[in-house]
Amino acid sequence: MPKLETRLGNDLHAIRIPGDGRCLFRSVVHGACLRAGKPSPSEARERELADELRAKVTEEFIKRRQDTEWFVEGDFDTYVTQMRLPHIWGGEPELLMSSHVLQVPITVHMFDKKANRLKVIAEYGQEYGKENPIRVLYHGYGHYDALQDSFGVSQSKMNTRR
């Protein structure tokens, strides 16, 4: 079954991602496939890739423990143990670690209802460049969707062609 899409303006549209506790990781791996010029993964493949990314992200936390321990809630070891579980939601720390694992920039957008447009609320992995970021949409209540432009390429690549 094809993924549902919602047009958001700015030539971007959201690819709806299941809310199964993996949505952040699914959104990032979906965006990584698009960024690499690969077709959108099937739901089963997306889940596999999301779980693989989650495992790598938890290892990255451990590898960078001295730099990351201060910004995780509660006990670090408990946090990492919990984050390994597929139903546990990810957030800002996982987006940051995802950018390091994949060595790509990740841009988080949110829909601004007053302005009726998307706005960038966070950027991670800028040390890996600013062009062609993985784009995700945060809904403000713990859910992430993937973002894609109308042509299946990132907005930044599209702007360089104009």
Protein backbone atom coordinates (compact mmCIF):
# COMPACT_ATOMS: atom_id res chain seq x y z
CA MET A 1 0.00 0.00 0.00
CA PRO A 2 1.45 3.44 -0.92
CA LYS A 3 2.19 5.92 1.84
CA LEU A 4 -0.22 8.78 2.34
CA GLU A 5 1.10 12.22 1.49
CA THR A 6 0.07 15.71 2.57
CA ARG A 7 1.10 18.80 0.61
CA LEU A 8 2.49 21.53 2.85
CA GLY A 9 3.55 24.28 0.44
CA ASN A 10 7.13 25.25 -0.40
CA ASP A 11 7.08 22.28 -2.82
CA LEU A 12 7.28 19.99 0.22
CA HIS A 13 4.92 17.28 1.28
CA ALA A 14 4.79 14.96 4.24
CA ILE A 15 5.08 11.22 3.87
CA ARG A 16 3.01 9.77 6.68
CA ILE A 17 4.95 7.44 8.90
CA PRO A 18 3.30 4.90 11.23
CA GLY A 19 3.18 5.94 14.88
CA ASP A 20 4.67 2.76 16.28
CA GLY A 21 7.39 4.23 18.49
CA ARG A 22 9.82 4.15 15.55
CA CYS A 23 8.48 7.21 13.73
CA LEU A 24 11.58 9.35 14.27
CA PHE A 25 13.88 6.59 13.05
CA ARG A 26 11.53 5.65 10.20
CA SER A 27 11.36 9.28 9.08
CA VAL A 28 15.13 9.62 9.11
CA VAL A 29 15.79 6.40 7.17
CA HIS A 30 13.03 7.27 4.71
CA GLY A 31 14.71 10.64 4.16
CA ALA A 32 18.12 8.97 3.87
CA CYS A 33 16.81 6.75 1.07
CA LEU A 34 15.42 9.77 -0.79
CA ARG A 35 18.63 11.71 -0.22
CA ALA A 36 20.64 8.84 -1.73
CA GLY A 37 18.35 8.76 -4.77
CA LYS A 38 16.85 5.42 -3.78
CA PRO A 39 13.12 4.67 -3.99
CA SER A 40 11.00 4.97 -0.87
CA PRO A 41 11.41 1.81 1.19
CA SER A 42 8.51 -0.56 1.75
CA GLU A 43 6.95 -0.39 5.20
CA ALA A 44 8.69 -3.62 6.24
CA ARG A 45 12.08 -2.45 4.90
CA GLU A 46 11.60 0.95 6.53
CA ARG A 47 10.96 -0.77 9.88
CA GLU A 48 14.14 -2.88 9.45
CA LEU A 49 16.22 0.17 8.57
CA ALA A 50 14.71 2.12 11.47
CA ASP A 51 15.61 -0.62 13.93
CA GLU A 52 19.15 -0.78 12.50
CA LEU A 53 19.49 2.99 12.87
CA ARG A 54 18.16 2.85 16.44
CA ALA A 55 20.82 0.24 17.32
CA LYS A 56 23.56 2.38 15.77
CA VAL A 57 22.25 5.49 17.54
CA THR A 58 22.39 3.78 20.95
CA GLU A 59 25.95 2.68 20.20
CA GLU A 60 26.78 6.27 19.22
CA PHE A 61 25.43 7.45 22.58
CA ILE A 62 27.78 5.04 24.33
CA LYS A 63 30.70 6.04 22.12
CA ARG A 64 30.05 9.72 22.86
CA ARG A 65 29.01 9.21 26.47
CA GLN A 66 31.15 12.04 27.88
CA ASP A 67 29.56 14.48 25.41
CA THR A 68 25.99 13.17 25.63
CA GLU A 69 25.41 12.03 29.20
CA TRP A 70 24.43 15.50 30.41
CA PHE A 71 21.57 15.96 27.96
CA VAL A 72 19.70 12.69 28.40
CA GLU A 73 16.95 12.51 30.99
CA GLY A 74 17.68 10.43 34.07
CA ASP A 75 20.34 7.77 34.39
CA PHE A 76 22.40 7.40 31.19
CA ASP A 77 22.60 3.58 31.24
CA THR A 78 18.85 3.26 31.85
CA TYR A 79 18.17 5.76 29.06
CA VAL A 80 20.29 3.84 26.56
CA THR A 81 18.76 0.51 27.62
CA GLN A 82 15.25 1.94 27.16
CA MET A 83 16.14 3.55 23.81
CA ARG A 84 17.10 0.12 22.44
CA LEU A 85 13.43 -0.95 22.70
CA PRO A 86 11.50 -0.54 19.42
CA HIS A 87 8.43 1.11 20.97
CA ILE A 88 10.32 3.89 22.81
CA TRP A 89 10.00 7.30 21.18
CA GLY A 90 13.06 9.19 20.05
CA GLY A 91 13.59 12.95 20.23
CA GLU A 92 16.27 15.59 19.90
CA PRO A 93 19.13 13.48 21.30
CA GLU A 94 18.34 10.70 18.81
CA LEU A 95 18.18 13.16 15.92
CA LEU A 96 21.61 14.49 16.87
CA MET A 97 23.06 10.98 17.13
CA SER A 98 21.38 9.98 13.84
CA SER A 99 23.17 12.83 12.10
CA HIS A 100 26.48 11.51 13.45
CA VAL A 101 25.73 7.89 12.56
CA LEU A 102 24.69 8.78 9.00
CA GLN A 103 27.12 11.72 8.74
CA VAL A 104 24.50 13.93 7.14
CA PRO A 105 22.63 17.06 8.14
CA ILE A 106 19.09 16.61 9.45
CA THR A 107 16.59 19.47 9.43
CA VAL A 108 13.46 19.36 11.57
CA HIS A 109 10.43 21.31 10.38
CA MET A 110 7.16 22.15 12.08
CA PHE A 111 4.00 23.56 10.53
CA ASP A 112 3.34 27.14 11.63
CA LYS A 113 -0.45 27.46 11.55
CA LYS A 114 -0.40 31.26 11.91
CA ALA A 115 1.92 31.73 8.94
CA ASN A 116 0.42 28.72 7.13
CA ARG A 117 3.84 27.37 6.21
CA LEU A 118 6.64 25.14 7.40
CA LYS A 119 9.40 26.54 9.55
CA VAL A 120 12.74 25.05 10.52
CA ILE A 121 12.86 24.40 14.26
CA ALA A 122 16.17 22.52 14.54
CA GLU A 123 19.19 21.52 12.50
CA TYR A 124 21.61 18.74 13.37
CA GLY A 125 24.83 17.56 11.78
CA GLN A 126 25.76 20.86 10.19
CA GLU A 127 29.39 19.75 10.40
CA TYR A 128 28.54 17.28 7.60
CA GLY A 129 27.40 20.10 5.30
CA LYS A 130 24.26 22.09 4.84
CA GLU A 131 23.23 20.90 1.39
CA ASN A 132 20.61 18.23 0.85
CA PRO A 133 19.63 17.57 4.48
CA ILE A 134 17.33 14.78 5.54
CA ARG A 135 14.09 16.59 6.34
CA VAL A 136 11.59 15.49 8.95
CA LEU A 137 8.34 17.02 10.10
CA TYR A 138 7.67 17.22 13.83
CA HIS A 139 4.00 17.48 14.75
CA GLY A 140 4.56 18.75 18.28
CA TYR A 141 2.99 15.80 20.05
CA GLY A 142 5.73 13.21 19.76
CA HIS A 143 5.23 12.21 16.12
CA TYR A 144 7.54 12.63 13.13
CA ASP A 145 6.85 12.24 9.42
CA ALA A 146 9.29 12.29 6.52
CA LEU A 147 9.39 15.34 4.25
CA GLN A 148 9.95 15.21 0.51
CA ASP A 149 9.81 17.81 -2.19
CA SER A 150 7.46 17.44 -5.13
CA PHE A 151 10.19 15.97 -7.30
CA GLY A 152 11.54 13.40 -4.85
CA VAL A 153 14.78 15.30 -4.24
CA SER A 154 15.70 17.59 -1.40
CA GLN A 155 14.71 21.24 -1.55
CA SER A 156 18.35 22.34 -1.37
CA LYS A 157 19.27 20.29 -4.47
CA MET A 158 16.26 21.71 -6.27
CA ASN A 159 17.33 25.28 -5.47
CA THR A 160 20.75 24.72 -7.01
CA ARG A 161 19.14 23.74 -10.31
CA ARG A 162 17.11 26.92 -10.65
